[in-house]
Structure formats: C-alpha cells, structure tokens
Amino acid sequence: MSTPLLLELFAGFLAACIALWFVLLSRSSQPKGVVADTPSFWLGGTDSLQAALRRQAAAYFLPNGPLANTALLLLRLTIGVLMIHHGQEKLADPQQFANTYVASLHLPFPLFFAYAAGFSELIGSWLLILGLLTPLGALAITGTMAVAAYQHISTAGLNIYVLELVALYLGGSLALLLLGPGRFSFDGAIVNELLQEPASIGNDDQASSALTPAYVAVRGDSRG
C-alpha cells in the first residue's frame, strides 16, 4: 500500500472521528413530540407543512438506530476514501484522461469535462467522508459514475469485469443520495441543532411568560 493512500486513509478516519466528536458535543437527539409541536414562525406557512418538512428532514438526516447510522458512516468512509485517488489520478494528467475516456463520448471540450470529473470525485469524496453537504457530494459521484458506466458499456459492452467497480461506486453513492448521511456527520449535527432550535425558543418564551408578574387590582373599602 502506497504512502499517499495510507495518508488518505488516515485523514479520512480522522475526519470521521472529528465529525463524530462534533455530534457528541452537540445536544442529544431531538426529543419526541418536537416535530409536531413546533410553532409556525420557524419556516413560515402552515403548521402542517412545517411538521411535514421537519419530519422529512429528521428522517433523512437523523435516522433512528445506532446500527443504521454506523452503517451509513462506514458506507460514506468506504466510498469517500477509495474514490479520492481516482480524482487525484485524473487531475494529475487531465489531458491523458480526456484523450482516453472523454473523447470516446464525443463531448465538446473534453479537457473541461476531464477536470470536472476529477474535481467531482475529489471534492465529492471529502464531502462524503466529512458528512458535510452529503447529498451534493453523493450527487457529484453518482453523476460521474453514471457517465463512466455509459462510457464502459458503449466501448466494451456489458462486460462485468469492466463494469463491476463502476457499478459498486454508482450503487453506493446513489444509496447515500437516497438514504442520507446519518447522525454521525456534520450534516446530522447541524440539522439536529436546527430542528431543536424552535422548541428551545418556544420553551424560553413559555418560561419567560410564566415568570411575568401578574398585577391584581385591589378595591379599597368604601365603608367608613
């Protein structure tokens, strides 16, 4: 195993540990009942639309169960760490990649698309590792792998030995795009804070209203 790959693996797992540490430092997972009881000022619009949007965000970014979140973390790390060197190879000699692969697709400006593929894989990999803007990173890798699969099929046909690696990356990145990053990510920590913020504000308002002094009118005795 080469030294750059070892450094990439170390950096990837270090970034994941930092993300996990960030999650643990944040507040605990959102309590039950926060989604449905959220006041209407946070997103604007009706309460039902708000509750639906918040439920969707919680289901996508904050799935329940430690096993599911651990599986998503492992999937992100696996795809992100193994995909990095593909992007580095393309950016190391983009002209060669453009002549070998992009030109066979008959696309205009092959050098531009070579740079686009390299940066999509490199930046998308780090976004998956960190769990930061995960849908964007997963979409970048999914798009690149879809084009790569089309290129392999158009040039070599349905050859499993050529397609298997591309299909694995494509399936994994598409799964992350559909399932979300999980709680052990920067996205999970940020969304968790955003979903809890209205509840805490509402509780503060209730507490402040409970502490507001009440004035009672006292009538003087008219007898006298």
Protein backbone atom coordinates (compact mmCIF):
# COMPACT_ATOMS: atom_id res chain seq x y z
CA MET A 1 0.00 0.00 0.00
CA SER A 2 1.47 3.33 -1.08
CA THR A 3 2.21 6.17 1.31
CA PRO A 4 -0.32 8.61 -0.25
CA LEU A 5 -3.08 6.03 0.14
CA LEU A 6 -2.14 5.48 3.78
CA LEU A 7 -2.27 9.23 4.35
CA GLU A 8 -5.67 9.40 2.67
CA LEU A 9 -6.99 6.59 4.87
CA PHE A 10 -5.65 8.25 8.00
CA ALA A 11 -7.06 11.64 7.01
CA GLY A 12 -10.43 10.10 6.20
CA PHE A 13 -10.79 8.29 9.51
CA LEU A 14 -9.50 11.34 11.39
CA ALA A 15 -12.12 13.50 9.70
CA ALA A 16 -14.81 10.97 10.58
CA CYS A 17 -13.68 10.95 14.22
CA ILE A 18 -13.86 14.76 14.27
CA ALA A 19 -17.38 14.61 12.85
CA LEU A 20 -18.41 12.05 15.47
CA TRP A 21 -16.86 14.18 18.22
CA PHE A 22 -18.79 17.20 16.92
CA VAL A 23 -22.03 15.22 17.06
CA LEU A 24 -21.39 14.02 20.60
CA LEU A 25 -20.66 17.57 21.76
CA SER A 26 -23.91 18.82 20.32
CA ARG A 27 -27.17 18.36 22.09
CA SER A 28 -28.72 14.93 22.30
CA SER A 29 -31.06 13.65 19.63
CA GLN A 30 -34.32 15.55 19.25
CA PRO A 31 -36.97 14.63 21.79
CA LYS A 32 -40.22 13.06 20.74
CA GLY A 33 -43.01 15.47 20.02
CA VAL A 34 -40.77 18.36 18.92
CA VAL A 35 -41.64 17.93 15.23
CA ALA A 36 -45.38 18.06 15.65
CA ASP A 37 -45.45 20.78 18.31
CA THR A 38 -43.19 23.29 16.54
CA PRO A 39 -44.52 26.86 16.38
CA SER A 40 -45.25 28.28 12.94
CA PHE A 41 -42.71 31.11 12.91
CA TRP A 42 -39.69 28.89 12.13
CA LEU A 43 -40.36 28.01 8.49
CA GLY A 44 -43.35 30.18 7.78
CA GLY A 45 -46.58 28.87 6.33
CA THR A 46 -48.98 26.39 7.85
CA ASP A 47 -48.20 24.18 10.79
CA SER A 48 -48.97 21.02 8.81
CA LEU A 49 -46.46 21.92 6.08
CA GLN A 50 -43.87 22.75 8.71
CA ALA A 51 -44.36 19.49 10.52
CA ALA A 52 -44.12 17.54 7.26
CA LEU A 53 -40.88 19.28 6.26
CA ARG A 54 -39.36 18.75 9.67
CA ARG A 55 -40.34 15.08 9.68
CA GLN A 56 -38.74 14.63 6.26
CA ALA A 57 -35.55 16.37 7.36
CA ALA A 58 -35.37 14.30 10.54
CA ALA A 59 -35.97 11.05 8.65
CA TYR A 60 -33.32 11.87 6.03
CA PHE A 61 -30.54 13.33 8.19
CA LEU A 62 -31.31 11.75 11.59
CA PRO A 63 -32.37 8.12 11.14
CA ASN A 64 -33.10 6.11 14.25
CA GLY A 65 -30.94 3.23 15.44
CA PRO A 66 -27.19 3.09 16.09
CA LEU A 67 -26.68 0.25 13.61
CA ALA A 68 -28.24 2.19 10.73
CA ASN A 69 -26.16 5.29 11.50
CA THR A 70 -22.98 3.24 11.85
CA ALA A 71 -23.68 1.51 8.52
CA LEU A 72 -24.13 4.88 6.79
CA LEU A 73 -20.87 6.12 8.34
CA LEU A 74 -18.99 3.05 7.08
CA LEU A 75 -20.50 3.40 3.62
CA ARG A 76 -19.54 7.07 3.45
CA LEU A 77 -15.98 6.36 4.55
CA THR A 78 -15.55 3.41 2.21
CA ILE A 79 -16.72 5.23 -0.91
CA GLY A 80 -15.07 8.51 0.02
CA VAL A 81 -11.65 7.13 0.91
CA LEU A 82 -11.46 4.74 -2.06
CA MET A 83 -12.69 7.33 -4.55
CA ILE A 84 -10.16 10.02 -3.66
CA HIS A 85 -7.26 8.55 -5.61
CA HIS A 86 -9.41 8.27 -8.76
CA GLY A 87 -9.93 12.01 -8.69
CA GLN A 88 -6.25 12.62 -7.99
CA GLU A 89 -5.23 10.46 -10.94
CA LYS A 90 -7.50 12.37 -13.30
CA LEU A 91 -6.22 15.74 -12.10
CA ALA A 92 -2.59 14.58 -12.27
CA ASP A 93 -2.88 14.15 -16.07
CA PRO A 94 -6.23 15.52 -17.25
CA GLN A 95 -5.18 15.62 -20.91
CA GLN A 96 -4.47 11.88 -20.94
CA PHE A 97 -7.84 11.15 -19.32
CA ALA A 98 -9.57 13.44 -21.80
CA ASN A 99 -7.93 11.69 -24.77
CA THR A 100 -8.56 8.18 -23.45
CA TYR A 101 -12.07 8.37 -21.99
CA VAL A 102 -13.82 11.68 -22.64
CA ALA A 103 -13.01 11.74 -26.34
CA SER A 104 -14.80 8.41 -26.85
CA LEU A 105 -18.04 10.06 -25.65
CA HIS A 106 -17.76 12.69 -28.42
CA LEU A 107 -18.37 15.50 -25.94
CA PRO A 108 -17.24 19.07 -26.68
CA PHE A 109 -14.36 20.47 -24.65
CA PRO A 110 -13.03 17.09 -23.41
CA LEU A 111 -10.37 18.72 -21.25
CA PHE A 112 -13.03 20.69 -19.38
CA PHE A 113 -15.01 17.51 -18.68
CA ALA A 114 -11.83 15.78 -17.55
CA TYR A 115 -11.27 18.48 -14.93
CA ALA A 116 -14.96 18.35 -13.99
CA ALA A 117 -14.79 14.59 -13.42
CA GLY A 118 -11.59 14.86 -11.37
CA PHE A 119 -12.85 17.62 -9.10
CA SER A 120 -16.26 15.93 -8.74
CA GLU A 121 -14.61 12.76 -7.47
CA LEU A 122 -12.07 14.53 -5.27
CA ILE A 123 -14.37 17.09 -3.65
CA GLY A 124 -17.32 14.71 -3.55
CA SER A 125 -15.19 12.15 -1.70
CA TRP A 126 -14.27 14.63 1.04
CA LEU A 127 -17.88 15.72 1.38
CA LEU A 128 -18.89 12.10 1.91
CA ILE A 129 -16.10 11.48 4.42
CA LEU A 130 -17.00 14.52 6.48
CA GLY A 131 -20.72 14.10 6.03
CA LEU A 132 -20.89 17.76 5.04
CA LEU A 133 -23.28 18.66 2.20
CA THR A 134 -23.56 14.92 1.73
CA PRO A 135 -26.34 15.00 -0.91
CA LEU A 136 -24.19 17.28 -3.06
CA GLY A 137 -21.13 15.03 -2.72
CA ALA A 138 -23.16 11.89 -3.39
CA LEU A 139 -24.78 13.52 -6.42
CA ALA A 140 -21.37 14.51 -7.83
CA ILE A 141 -20.00 10.97 -7.56
CA THR A 142 -23.25 9.42 -8.80
CA GLY A 143 -23.21 11.61 -11.90
CA THR A 144 -19.56 10.86 -12.64
CA MET A 145 -20.03 7.12 -12.17
CA ALA A 146 -23.15 7.12 -14.35
CA VAL A 147 -21.18 8.71 -17.20
CA ALA A 148 -18.32 6.24 -16.59
CA ALA A 149 -20.76 3.31 -16.74
CA TYR A 150 -22.18 4.62 -20.02
CA GLN A 151 -18.66 5.01 -21.43
CA HIS A 152 -17.69 1.44 -20.47
CA ILE A 153 -20.89 -0.01 -21.92
CA SER A 154 -20.54 1.94 -25.17
CA THR A 155 -16.92 0.86 -25.68
CA ALA A 156 -16.71 -2.63 -24.10
CA GLY A 157 -20.32 -3.74 -23.88
CA LEU A 158 -21.82 -5.41 -20.82
CA ASN A 159 -18.50 -6.74 -19.53
CA ILE A 160 -18.86 -7.43 -15.83
CA TYR A 161 -15.11 -7.27 -15.23
CA VAL A 162 -15.04 -3.74 -16.59
CA LEU A 163 -18.30 -2.57 -15.04
CA GLU A 164 -18.12 -4.08 -11.55
CA LEU A 165 -16.05 -1.34 -9.89
CA VAL A 166 -18.01 1.47 -11.50
CA ALA A 167 -21.29 -0.23 -10.57
CA LEU A 168 -20.21 -0.58 -6.93
CA TYR A 169 -19.31 3.11 -6.68
CA LEU A 170 -22.50 4.08 -8.50
CA GLY A 171 -24.71 1.94 -6.26
CA GLY A 172 -23.04 3.12 -3.06
CA SER A 173 -23.17 6.82 -3.90
CA LEU A 174 -26.78 6.51 -5.09
CA ALA A 175 -27.70 4.77 -1.83
CA LEU A 176 -26.18 7.63 0.16
CA LEU A 177 -28.01 10.14 -2.01
CA LEU A 178 -31.33 8.44 -1.26
CA LEU A 179 -30.75 7.48 2.39
CA GLY A 180 -28.83 10.49 3.71
CA PRO A 181 -25.60 10.81 5.71
CA GLY A 182 -26.78 9.53 9.10
CA ARG A 183 -26.33 11.10 12.54
CA PHE A 184 -22.54 10.61 12.60
CA SER A 185 -21.91 13.51 10.23
CA PHE A 186 -21.68 17.28 10.18
CA ASP A 187 -24.99 17.40 8.32
CA GLY A 188 -26.63 15.37 11.07
CA ALA A 189 -25.28 17.62 13.81
CA ILE A 190 -26.33 20.80 12.01
CA VAL A 191 -29.82 19.55 11.22
CA ASN A 192 -30.22 18.27 14.77
CA GLU A 193 -29.45 21.76 16.09
CA LEU A 194 -31.83 23.40 13.62
CA LEU A 195 -34.67 21.04 14.47
CA GLN A 196 -34.23 21.61 18.19
CA GLU A 197 -33.89 25.41 17.99
CA PRO A 198 -37.63 26.25 17.67
CA ALA A 199 -38.51 24.00 20.58
CA SER A 200 -35.93 25.65 22.81
CA ILE A 201 -37.13 29.08 21.74
CA GLY A 202 -40.71 28.09 22.47
CA ASN A 203 -39.73 26.78 25.88
CA ASP A 204 -37.87 30.01 26.62
CA ASP A 205 -40.94 32.01 25.65
CA GLN A 206 -43.12 29.87 27.88
CA ALA A 207 -40.68 30.22 30.75
CA SER A 208 -40.49 33.98 30.33
CA SER A 209 -44.27 34.24 30.20
CA ALA A 210 -44.53 32.10 33.32
CA LEU A 211 -42.19 34.47 35.14
CA THR A 212 -44.05 37.60 34.07
CA PRO A 213 -45.52 39.25 37.19
CA ALA A 214 -49.28 39.49 37.37
CA TYR A 215 -50.99 42.61 38.64
CA VAL A 216 -54.16 42.23 40.64
CA ALA A 217 -56.48 45.17 41.11
CA VAL A 218 -57.44 45.72 44.75
CA ARG A 219 -60.51 47.75 45.57
CA GLY A 220 -60.44 49.97 48.59
CA ASP A 221 -63.08 49.50 51.26
CA SER A 222 -65.77 52.17 50.75
CA ARG A 223 -67.26 51.70 54.19
CA GLY A 224 -66.27 54.15 56.54
